[in-house]
């Protein structure tokens, strides 16, 4: 019973922040594009501008310790 309780508490604990990994991002896009291709759809492309905005906002949320919307998004793109 104690083990089950401990595992439940660990499952609810927030994960440690992880820095952006260009290799992981590239792999994610490649996986999506592979699935799209298998369904006869065109590939998606990565926008450097949007990636920069997203990384910046992810850092702000990590620093604040909470998830929120970027109220300034429309002026940043």
PDB file of N, CA and C in Angstrom:
ATOM      1  N   UNK A   1       0.828  -1.183   0.000  1.00  0.00           N
ATOM      2  CA  UNK A   1       0.000   0.000   0.000  1.00  0.00           C
ATOM      3  C   UNK A   1       0.876   1.253   0.000  1.00  0.00           C
ATOM      4  N   UNK A   2       1.925   1.240   0.799  1.00  0.00           N
ATOM      5  CA  UNK A   2       2.824   2.386   0.869  1.00  0.00           C
ATOM      6  C   UNK A   2       3.505   2.623  -0.474  1.00  0.00           C
ATOM      7  N   UNK A   3       3.879   1.545  -1.156  1.00  0.00           N
ATOM      8  CA  UNK A   3       4.510   1.666  -2.463  1.00  0.00           C
ATOM      9  C   UNK A   3       3.563   2.317  -3.457  1.00  0.00           C
ATOM     10  N   UNK A   4       2.302   1.927  -3.445  1.00  0.00           N
ATOM     11  CA  UNK A   4       1.310   2.511  -4.353  1.00  0.00           C
ATOM     12  C   UNK A   4       1.162   3.997  -4.076  1.00  0.00           C
ATOM     13  N   UNK A   5       1.102   4.375  -2.806  1.00  0.00           N
ATOM     14  CA  UNK A   5       0.989   5.776  -2.432  1.00  0.00           C
ATOM     15  C   UNK A   5       2.219   6.559  -2.886  1.00  0.00           C
ATOM     16  N   UNK A   6       3.395   5.999  -2.684  1.00  0.00           N
ATOM     17  CA  UNK A   6       4.632   6.671  -3.089  1.00  0.00           C
ATOM     18  C   UNK A   6       4.677   6.865  -4.597  1.00  0.00           C
ATOM     19  N   UNK A   7       4.280   5.848  -5.345  1.00  0.00           N
ATOM     20  CA  UNK A   7       4.263   5.970  -6.802  1.00  0.00           C
ATOM     21  C   UNK A   7       3.259   7.018  -7.252  1.00  0.00           C
ATOM     22  N   UNK A   8       2.125   7.101  -6.577  1.00  0.00           N
ATOM     23  CA  UNK A   8       1.125   8.116  -6.908  1.00  0.00           C
ATOM     24  C   UNK A   8       1.651   9.518  -6.678  1.00  0.00           C
ATOM     25  N   UNK A   9       2.352   9.716  -5.582  1.00  0.00           N
ATOM     26  CA  UNK A   9       2.930  11.032  -5.286  1.00  0.00           C
ATOM     27  C   UNK A   9       3.986  11.389  -6.320  1.00  0.00           C
ATOM     28  N   UNK A  10       4.825  10.434  -6.690  1.00  0.00           N
ATOM     29  CA  UNK A  10       5.849  10.700  -7.699  1.00  0.00           C
ATOM     30  C   UNK A  10       5.235  11.022  -9.052  1.00  0.00           C
ATOM     31  N   UNK A  11       4.137  10.386  -9.385  1.00  0.00           N
ATOM     32  CA  UNK A  11       3.479  10.644 -10.666  1.00  0.00           C
ATOM     33  C   UNK A  11       2.926  12.056 -10.724  1.00  0.00           C
ATOM     34  N   UNK A  12       2.554  12.617  -9.582  1.00  0.00           N
ATOM     35  CA  UNK A  12       1.996  13.963  -9.543  1.00  0.00           C
ATOM     36  C   UNK A  12       3.055  15.044  -9.405  1.00  0.00           C
ATOM     37  N   UNK A  13       4.277  14.672  -9.106  1.00  0.00           N
ATOM     38  CA  UNK A  13       5.347  15.654  -8.932  1.00  0.00           C
ATOM     39  C   UNK A  13       5.684  16.292 -10.271  1.00  0.00           C
ATOM     40  N   UNK A  14       5.928  17.606 -10.284  1.00  0.00           N
ATOM     41  CA  UNK A  14       6.277  18.265 -11.545  1.00  0.00           C
ATOM     42  C   UNK A  14       7.608  17.758 -12.072  1.00  0.00           C
ATOM     43  N   UNK A  15       7.696  17.659 -13.377  1.00  0.00           N
ATOM     44  CA  UNK A  15       8.932  17.213 -14.007  1.00  0.00           C
ATOM     45  C   UNK A  15       9.959  18.336 -13.956  1.00  0.00           C
ATOM     46  N   UNK A  16      11.213  17.978 -13.972  1.00  0.00           N
ATOM     47  CA  UNK A  16      12.269  18.980 -14.022  1.00  0.00           C
ATOM     48  C   UNK A  16      12.286  19.612 -15.399  1.00  0.00           C
ATOM     49  N   UNK A  17      12.524  20.932 -15.484  1.00  0.00           N
ATOM     50  CA  UNK A  17      12.596  21.571 -16.794  1.00  0.00           C
ATOM     51  C   UNK A  17      13.749  20.989 -17.603  1.00  0.00           C
ATOM     52  N   UNK A  18      13.531  20.844 -18.873  1.00  0.00           N
ATOM     53  CA  UNK A  18      14.544  20.320 -19.775  1.00  0.00           C
ATOM     54  C   UNK A  18      14.773  21.356 -20.859  1.00  0.00           C
ATOM     55  N   UNK A  19      16.021  21.624 -21.184  1.00  0.00           N
ATOM     56  CA  UNK A  19      16.332  22.592 -22.223  1.00  0.00           C
ATOM     57  C   UNK A  19      15.922  22.097 -23.597  1.00  0.00           C
ATOM     58  N   UNK A  20      15.808  23.034 -24.511  1.00  0.00           N
ATOM     59  CA  UNK A  20      15.433  22.695 -25.881  1.00  0.00           C
ATOM     60  C   UNK A  20      16.523  21.840 -26.514  1.00  0.00           C
ATOM     61  N   UNK A  21      16.117  20.801 -27.183  1.00  0.00           N
ATOM     62  CA  UNK A  21      17.050  19.929 -27.881  1.00  0.00           C
ATOM     63  C   UNK A  21      16.729  19.995 -29.369  1.00  0.00           C
ATOM     64  N   UNK A  22      17.578  20.658 -30.154  1.00  0.00           N
ATOM     65  CA  UNK A  22      17.317  20.731 -31.594  1.00  0.00           C
ATOM     66  C   UNK A  22      17.137  19.350 -32.230  1.00  0.00           C
ATOM     67  N   UNK A  23      17.874  18.352 -31.753  1.00  0.00           N
ATOM     68  CA  UNK A  23      17.736  17.003 -32.311  1.00  0.00           C
ATOM     69  C   UNK A  23      16.352  16.441 -32.013  1.00  0.00           C
ATOM     70  N   UNK A  24      15.853  16.671 -30.794  1.00  0.00           N
ATOM     71  CA  UNK A  24      14.515  16.186 -30.436  1.00  0.00           C
ATOM     72  C   UNK A  24      13.451  16.918 -31.237  1.00  0.00           C
ATOM     73  N   UNK A  25      13.626  18.230 -31.399  1.00  0.00           N
ATOM     74  CA  UNK A  25      12.661  19.009 -32.185  1.00  0.00           C
ATOM     75  C   UNK A  25      12.629  18.519 -33.626  1.00  0.00           C
ATOM     76  N   UNK A  26      13.805  18.293 -34.195  1.00  0.00           N
ATOM     77  CA  UNK A  26      13.894  17.814 -35.573  1.00  0.00           C
ATOM     78  C   UNK A  26      13.258  16.434 -35.719  1.00  0.00           C
ATOM     79  N   UNK A  27      13.500  15.570 -34.749  1.00  0.00           N
ATOM     80  CA  UNK A  27      12.902  14.233 -34.774  1.00  0.00           C
ATOM     81  C   UNK A  27      11.391  14.280 -34.686  1.00  0.00           C
ATOM     82  N   UNK A  28      10.879  15.205 -33.871  1.00  0.00           N
ATOM     83  CA  UNK A  28       9.434  15.372 -33.724  1.00  0.00           C
ATOM     84  C   UNK A  28       8.807  15.796 -35.055  1.00  0.00           C
ATOM     85  N   UNK A  29       9.411  16.790 -35.705  1.00  0.00           N
ATOM     86  CA  UNK A  29       8.895  17.260 -36.994  1.00  0.00           C
ATOM     87  C   UNK A  29       9.011  16.155 -38.041  1.00  0.00           C
ATOM     88  N   UNK A  30      10.106  15.419 -38.032  1.00  0.00           N
ATOM     89  CA  UNK A  30      10.277  14.312 -38.983  1.00  0.00           C
ATOM     90  C   UNK A  30       9.204  13.247 -38.789  1.00  0.00           C
ATOM     91  N   UNK A  31       8.874  12.951 -37.536  1.00  0.00           N
ATOM     92  CA  UNK A  31       7.826  11.962 -37.254  1.00  0.00           C
ATOM     93  C   UNK A  31       6.472  12.434 -37.768  1.00  0.00           C
ATOM     94  N   UNK A  32       6.163  13.694 -37.522  1.00  0.00           N
ATOM     95  CA  UNK A  32       4.893  14.250 -38.004  1.00  0.00           C
ATOM     96  C   UNK A  32       4.854  14.213 -39.524  1.00  0.00           C
ATOM     97  N   UNK A  33       5.946  14.635 -40.159  1.00  0.00           N
ATOM     98  CA  UNK A  33       5.962  14.650 -41.620  1.00  0.00           C
ATOM     99  C   UNK A  33       5.908  13.246 -42.206  1.00  0.00           C
ATOM    100  N   UNK A  34       6.488  12.269 -41.537  1.00  0.00           N
ATOM    101  CA  UNK A  34       6.375  10.885 -41.994  1.00  0.00           C
ATOM    102  C   UNK A  34       4.936  10.408 -41.970  1.00  0.00           C
ATOM    103  N   UNK A  35       4.234  10.746 -40.900  1.00  0.00           N
ATOM    104  CA  UNK A  35       2.821  10.383 -40.796  1.00  0.00           C
ATOM    105  C   UNK A  35       1.998  11.114 -41.852  1.00  0.00           C
ATOM    106  N   UNK A  36       2.270  12.397 -42.038  1.00  0.00           N
ATOM    107  CA  UNK A  36       1.541  13.168 -43.055  1.00  0.00           C
ATOM    108  C   UNK A  36       1.781  12.573 -44.443  1.00  0.00           C
ATOM    109  N   UNK A  37       3.022  12.227 -44.731  1.00  0.00           N
ATOM    110  CA  UNK A  37       3.362  11.651 -46.032  1.00  0.00           C
ATOM    111  C   UNK A  37       2.624  10.335 -46.263  1.00  0.00           C
ATOM    112  N   UNK A  38       2.508   9.518 -45.226  1.00  0.00           N
ATOM    113  CA  UNK A  38       1.814   8.232 -45.360  1.00  0.00           C
ATOM    114  C   UNK A  38       0.328   8.417 -45.632  1.00  0.00           C
ATOM    115  N   UNK A  39      -0.168   9.614 -45.358  1.00  0.00           N
ATOM    116  CA  UNK A  39      -1.581   9.919 -45.601  1.00  0.00           C
ATOM    117  C   UNK A  39      -1.772  10.804 -46.837  1.00  0.00           C
ATOM    118  N   UNK A  40      -0.687  10.981 -47.610  1.00  0.00           N
ATOM    119  CA  UNK A  40      -0.764  11.758 -48.837  1.00  0.00           C
ATOM    120  C   UNK A  40      -0.782  13.266 -48.623  1.00  0.00           C
ATOM    121  N   UNK A  41      -0.352  13.723 -47.462  1.00  0.00           N
ATOM    122  CA  UNK A  41      -0.335  15.157 -47.157  1.00  0.00           C
ATOM    123  C   UNK A  41       1.077  15.707 -47.292  1.00  0.00           C
ATOM    124  N   UNK A  42       1.166  16.999 -47.575  1.00  0.00           N
ATOM    125  CA  UNK A  42       2.460  17.653 -47.709  1.00  0.00           C
ATOM    126  C   UNK A  42       3.169  17.813 -46.371  1.00  0.00           C
ATOM    127  N   UNK A  43       4.458  18.047 -46.456  1.00  0.00           N
ATOM    128  CA  UNK A  43       5.275  18.226 -45.257  1.00  0.00           C
ATOM    129  C   UNK A  43       5.063  19.598 -44.639  1.00  0.00           C
ATOM    130  N   UNK A  44       5.259  19.661 -43.336  1.00  0.00           N
ATOM    131  CA  UNK A  44       5.265  20.932 -42.624  1.00  0.00           C
ATOM    132  C   UNK A  44       6.693  21.460 -42.607  1.00  0.00           C
ATOM    133  N   UNK A  45       6.842  22.772 -42.562  1.00  0.00           N
ATOM    134  CA  UNK A  45       8.171  23.365 -42.445  1.00  0.00           C
ATOM    135  C   UNK A  45       8.271  24.088 -41.105  1.00  0.00           C
ATOM    136  N   UNK A  46       9.474  24.194 -40.611  1.00  0.00           N
ATOM    137  CA  UNK A  46       9.714  24.851 -39.328  1.00  0.00           C
ATOM    138  C   UNK A  46      10.025  26.319 -39.577  1.00  0.00           C
ATOM    139  N   UNK A  47       9.366  27.194 -38.829  1.00  0.00           N
ATOM    140  CA  UNK A  47       9.612  28.628 -38.902  1.00  0.00           C
ATOM    141  C   UNK A  47      10.584  29.013 -37.791  1.00  0.00           C
ATOM    142  N   UNK A  48      11.731  29.524 -38.176  1.00  0.00           N
ATOM    143  CA  UNK A  48      12.703  29.966 -37.182  1.00  0.00           C
ATOM    144  C   UNK A  48      12.150  31.054 -36.283  1.00  0.00           C
ATOM    145  N   UNK A  49      11.366  31.960 -36.855  1.00  0.00           N
ATOM    146  CA  UNK A  49      10.771  33.047 -36.074  1.00  0.00           C
ATOM    147  C   UNK A  49       9.823  32.498 -35.009  1.00  0.00           C
ATOM    148  N   UNK A  50       8.935  31.587 -35.416  1.00  0.00           N
ATOM    149  CA  UNK A  50       7.986  31.013 -34.460  1.00  0.00           C
ATOM    150  C   UNK A  50       8.686  30.144 -33.421  1.00  0.00           C
ATOM    151  N   UNK A  51       9.721  29.438 -33.838  1.00  0.00           N
ATOM    152  CA  UNK A  51      10.476  28.611 -32.902  1.00  0.00           C
ATOM    153  C   UNK A  51      11.115  29.482 -31.822  1.00  0.00           C
ATOM    154  N   UNK A  52      11.661  30.622 -32.226  1.00  0.00           N
ATOM    155  CA  UNK A  52      12.266  31.537 -31.259  1.00  0.00           C
ATOM    156  C   UNK A  52      11.256  32.075 -30.262  1.00  0.00           C
ATOM    157  N   UNK A  53      10.074  32.465 -30.763  1.00  0.00           N
ATOM    158  CA  UNK A  53       9.014  32.968 -29.880  1.00  0.00           C
ATOM    159  C   UNK A  53       8.582  31.867 -28.917  1.00  0.00           C
ATOM    160  N   UNK A  54       8.411  30.653 -29.431  1.00  0.00           N
ATOM    161  CA  UNK A  54       7.967  29.533 -28.594  1.00  0.00           C
ATOM    162  C   UNK A  54       9.002  29.197 -27.522  1.00  0.00           C
ATOM    163  N   UNK A  55      10.272  29.170 -27.894  1.00  0.00           N
ATOM    164  CA  UNK A  55      11.318  28.872 -26.910  1.00  0.00           C
ATOM    165  C   UNK A  55      11.375  29.944 -25.826  1.00  0.00           C
ATOM    166  N   UNK A  56      11.247  31.199 -26.240  1.00  0.00           N
ATOM    167  CA  UNK A  56      11.276  32.297 -25.276  1.00  0.00           C
ATOM    168  C   UNK A  56      10.118  32.192 -24.286  1.00  0.00           C
ATOM    169  N   UNK A  57       8.924  31.901 -24.810  1.00  0.00           N
ATOM    170  CA  UNK A  57       7.756  31.801 -23.930  1.00  0.00           C
ATOM    171  C   UNK A  57       7.853  30.568 -23.029  1.00  0.00           C
ATOM    172  N   UNK A  58       8.373  29.475 -23.554  1.00  0.00           N
ATOM    173  CA  UNK A  58       8.558  28.274 -22.730  1.00  0.00           C
ATOM    174  C   UNK A  58       9.503  28.580 -21.569  1.00  0.00           C
ATOM    175  N   UNK A  59      10.548  29.356 -21.833  1.00  0.00           N
ATOM    176  CA  UNK A  59      11.466  29.751 -20.773  1.00  0.00           C
ATOM    177  C   UNK A  59      10.788  30.623 -19.726  1.00  0.00           C
ATOM    178  N   UNK A  60       9.941  31.553 -20.191  1.00  0.00           N
ATOM    179  CA  UNK A  60       9.214  32.426 -19.260  1.00  0.00           C
ATOM    180  C   UNK A  60       8.280  31.605 -18.373  1.00  0.00           C
ATOM    181  N   UNK A  61       7.594  30.616 -18.964  1.00  0.00           N
ATOM    182  CA  UNK A  61       6.697  29.770 -18.170  1.00  0.00           C
ATOM    183  C   UNK A  61       7.490  28.922 -17.180  1.00  0.00           C
ATOM    184  N   UNK A  62       8.641  28.408 -17.614  1.00  0.00           N
ATOM    185  CA  UNK A  62       9.476  27.603 -16.714  1.00  0.00           C
ATOM    186  C   UNK A  62       9.962  28.447 -15.537  1.00  0.00           C
ATOM    187  N   UNK A  63      10.378  29.675 -15.824  1.00  0.00           N
ATOM    188  CA  UNK A  63      10.840  30.566 -14.757  1.00  0.00           C
ATOM    189  C   UNK A  63       9.722  30.886 -13.772  1.00  0.00           C
ATOM    190  N   UNK A  64       8.487  31.041 -14.295  1.00  0.00           N
ATOM    191  CA  UNK A  64       7.335  31.364 -13.446  1.00  0.00           C
ATOM    192  C   UNK A  64       6.794  30.131 -12.732  1.00  0.00           C
ATOM    193  N   UNK A  65       7.154  28.949 -13.221  1.00  0.00           N
ATOM    194  CA  UNK A  65       6.664  27.715 -12.616  1.00  0.00           C
ATOM    195  C   UNK A  65       5.205  27.444 -12.902  1.00  0.00           C
ATOM    196  N   UNK A  66       4.696  27.995 -14.003  1.00  0.00           N
ATOM    197  CA  UNK A  66       3.294  27.749 -14.366  1.00  0.00           C
ATOM    198  C   UNK A  66       3.114  27.883 -15.875  1.00  0.00           C
ATOM    199  N   UNK A  67       2.052  27.263 -16.353  1.00  0.00           N
ATOM    200  CA  UNK A  67       1.719  27.320 -17.772  1.00  0.00           C
ATOM    201  C   UNK A  67       0.694  28.424 -17.971  1.00  0.00           C
ATOM    202  N   UNK A  68       0.917  29.259 -18.987  1.00  0.00           N
ATOM    203  CA  UNK A  68      -0.018  30.344 -19.275  1.00  0.00           C
ATOM    204  C   UNK A  68       0.060  30.705 -20.750  1.00  0.00           C
ATOM    205  N   UNK A  69      -0.909  31.491 -21.184  1.00  0.00           N
ATOM    206  CA  UNK A  69      -0.923  31.965 -22.565  1.00  0.00           C
ATOM    207  C   UNK A  69      -0.014  33.184 -22.698  1.00  0.00           C
ATOM    208  N   UNK A  70       0.544  33.357 -23.878  1.00  0.00           N
ATOM    209  CA  UNK A  70       1.393  34.505 -24.175  1.00  0.00           C
ATOM    210  C   UNK A  70       0.504  35.632 -24.678  1.00  0.00           C
ATOM    211  N   UNK A  71       0.210  36.585 -23.829  1.00  0.00           N
ATOM    212  CA  UNK A  71      -0.654  37.700 -24.198  1.00  0.00           C
ATOM    213  C   UNK A  71      -0.056  38.617 -25.241  1.00  0.00           C
ATOM    214  N   UNK A  72       1.247  38.542 -25.463  1.00  0.00           N
ATOM    215  CA  UNK A  72       1.926  39.402 -26.435  1.00  0.00           C
ATOM    216  C   UNK A  72       2.212  38.685 -27.750  1.00  0.00           C
ATOM    217  N   UNK A  73       1.678  37.494 -27.929  1.00  0.00           N
ATOM    218  CA  UNK A  73       2.011  36.684 -29.103  1.00  0.00           C
ATOM    219  C   UNK A  73       1.769  37.420 -30.413  1.00  0.00           C
ATOM    220  N   UNK A  74       0.623  38.098 -30.538  1.00  0.00           N
ATOM    221  CA  UNK A  74       0.295  38.735 -31.819  1.00  0.00           C
ATOM    222  C   UNK A  74       1.303  39.813 -32.201  1.00  0.00           C
ATOM    223  N   UNK A  75       1.939  40.443 -31.236  1.00  0.00           N
ATOM    224  CA  UNK A  75       2.932  41.472 -31.553  1.00  0.00           C
ATOM    225  C   UNK A  75       4.328  40.875 -31.760  1.00  0.00           C
ATOM    226  N   UNK A  76       4.494  39.597 -31.474  1.00  0.00           N
ATOM    227  CA  UNK A  76       5.804  38.955 -31.590  1.00  0.00           C
ATOM    228  C   UNK A  76       5.980  38.188 -32.895  1.00  0.00           C
ATOM    229  N   UNK A  77       4.922  38.068 -33.666  1.00  0.00           N
ATOM    230  CA  UNK A  77       5.025  37.341 -34.939  1.00  0.00           C
ATOM    231  C   UNK A  77       4.688  38.242 -36.100  1.00  0.00           C
TER     232      UNK A  77
END
